Amino acid sequence: MKNISRANCPIRRATDILTDQWSFLILREFFLEGETRRFKDLQNELGLPPNTLSNRLKHLENAGVLERKLYSSHPPRAEYVLTEMGRRFGPVLEAMIDWGTLYPDRGSTNKSD
């Protein structure tokens, strides 16, 4: 591993943005289904309560990973798109897929997918 500063750790900064499992799974949907996703589609796929999904999307938007774009003004409806920062997360997800494939479920009780 590279010599990293613990005072300004890039892993810490990344985990500050991707704070929980839902953030990773939300981003997974963009890479599986396309770089533009609508709230309802994400909610249907992930089964998250609306307030939880809304909070996670706002967090990812504020962090610069996603951008919210209105596609209808009456009523107001938005879709979310990956930013350049979000697109650059693709190789990280690929590495996680590779790692998760090598080490299948060993009886974990945390089933969310």
Protein backbone atom coordinates (compact mmCIF):
# COMPACT_ATOMS: atom_id res chain seq x y z
CA MET A 1 0.00 0.00 0.00
CA LYS A 2 1.18 3.48 -0.75
CA ASN A 3 2.52 5.56 2.09
CA ILE A 4 -0.53 7.62 3.07
CA SER A 5 -0.88 10.40 5.55
CA ARG A 6 -3.13 9.46 8.43
CA ALA A 7 -3.83 13.14 9.04
CA ASN A 8 -5.26 13.60 5.54
CA CYS A 9 -6.16 10.01 4.71
CA PRO A 10 -7.84 9.45 1.31
CA ILE A 11 -9.58 6.35 2.65
CA ARG A 12 -11.11 8.44 5.42
CA ARG A 13 -12.28 11.06 2.89
CA ALA A 14 -13.83 8.33 0.72
CA THR A 15 -15.68 6.76 3.65
CA ASP A 16 -16.92 10.21 4.69
CA ILE A 17 -18.69 10.35 1.30
CA LEU A 18 -19.75 6.71 1.05
CA THR A 19 -20.90 6.41 4.62
CA ASP A 20 -22.93 3.23 4.51
CA GLN A 21 -23.99 0.17 2.55
CA TRP A 22 -26.85 2.05 0.88
CA SER A 23 -24.50 4.53 -0.76
CA PHE A 24 -22.61 1.68 -2.41
CA LEU A 25 -25.82 -0.04 -3.50
CA ILE A 26 -27.27 3.19 -4.89
CA LEU A 27 -24.12 3.71 -6.95
CA ARG A 28 -24.24 0.09 -8.06
CA GLU A 29 -27.61 0.81 -9.68
CA PHE A 30 -26.14 3.61 -11.79
CA PHE A 31 -23.44 1.30 -13.10
CA LEU A 32 -25.81 -1.61 -13.72
CA GLU A 33 -28.69 0.34 -15.26
CA GLY A 34 -27.12 3.48 -16.72
CA GLU A 35 -25.79 6.80 -15.56
CA THR A 36 -29.25 8.37 -15.23
CA ARG A 37 -31.73 7.03 -12.67
CA ARG A 38 -35.04 8.23 -11.29
CA PHE A 39 -36.03 8.18 -7.64
CA LYS A 40 -38.89 5.72 -8.11
CA ASP A 41 -36.68 3.30 -10.06
CA LEU A 42 -34.06 3.36 -7.31
CA GLN A 43 -36.72 2.93 -4.65
CA ASN A 44 -38.29 -0.03 -6.46
CA GLU A 45 -34.94 -1.74 -7.00
CA LEU A 46 -33.51 -1.17 -3.53
CA GLY A 47 -36.69 -1.34 -1.44
CA LEU A 48 -35.62 1.61 0.68
CA PRO A 49 -38.09 3.82 2.52
CA PRO A 50 -38.47 7.14 0.64
CA ASN A 51 -36.91 9.23 3.43
CA THR A 52 -33.82 6.99 3.62
CA LEU A 53 -33.32 7.04 -0.15
CA SER A 54 -33.89 10.79 -0.29
CA ASN A 55 -31.32 11.40 2.46
CA ARG A 56 -28.71 9.19 0.78
CA LEU A 57 -29.28 10.83 -2.62
CA LYS A 58 -28.97 14.31 -1.09
CA HIS A 59 -25.76 13.29 0.64
CA LEU A 60 -24.27 11.90 -2.59
CA GLU A 61 -25.40 15.03 -4.45
CA ASN A 62 -23.86 17.35 -1.85
CA ALA A 63 -20.64 15.33 -2.00
CA GLY A 64 -20.45 15.82 -5.77
CA VAL A 65 -21.02 12.17 -6.74
CA LEU A 66 -24.49 12.69 -8.23
CA GLU A 67 -26.26 15.59 -9.89
CA ARG A 68 -30.01 16.17 -9.67
CA LYS A 69 -31.70 17.34 -12.88
CA LEU A 70 -35.35 18.30 -13.27
CA TYR A 71 -37.09 16.57 -16.16
CA SER A 72 -40.57 17.93 -15.39
CA SER A 73 -41.57 21.19 -13.77
CA HIS A 74 -45.31 20.47 -13.28
CA PRO A 75 -45.19 18.50 -11.08
CA PRO A 76 -41.49 18.86 -10.27
CA ARG A 77 -39.71 15.59 -10.98
CA ALA A 78 -36.01 14.92 -11.03
CA GLU A 79 -33.57 12.31 -12.17
CA TYR A 80 -30.08 11.73 -10.90
CA VAL A 81 -26.95 11.40 -12.99
CA LEU A 82 -23.41 10.44 -12.13
CA THR A 83 -20.93 13.28 -12.15
CA GLU A 84 -17.34 12.79 -13.30
CA MET A 85 -16.48 12.06 -9.68
CA GLY A 86 -19.24 9.45 -9.55
CA ARG A 87 -18.16 7.83 -12.83
CA ARG A 88 -14.64 7.48 -11.48
CA PHE A 89 -16.04 5.23 -8.75
CA GLY A 90 -16.65 2.49 -11.37
CA PRO A 91 -13.27 0.76 -10.96
CA VAL A 92 -13.79 0.67 -7.18
CA LEU A 93 -17.12 -1.12 -7.67
CA GLU A 94 -15.45 -3.52 -10.13
CA ALA A 95 -12.79 -4.31 -7.53
CA MET A 96 -15.50 -4.88 -4.92
CA ILE A 97 -17.33 -7.24 -7.30
CA ASP A 98 -14.12 -9.17 -7.91
CA TRP A 99 -13.34 -9.38 -4.21
CA GLY A 100 -16.92 -10.32 -3.28
CA THR A 101 -16.93 -13.03 -5.96
CA LEU A 102 -13.75 -14.55 -4.54
CA TYR A 103 -15.21 -14.67 -1.04
CA PRO A 104 -18.87 -15.71 -1.24
CA ASP A 105 -21.35 -15.34 1.61
CA ARG A 106 -20.25 -17.28 4.66
CA GLY A 107 -23.46 -17.10 6.62
CA SER A 108 -23.65 -13.35 7.11
CA THR A 109 -26.84 -12.30 8.87
CA ASN A 110 -26.90 -8.90 7.14
CA LYS A 111 -28.99 -9.68 4.02
CA SER A 112 -30.03 -6.57 2.17
CA ASP A 113 -29.80 -7.72 -1.40
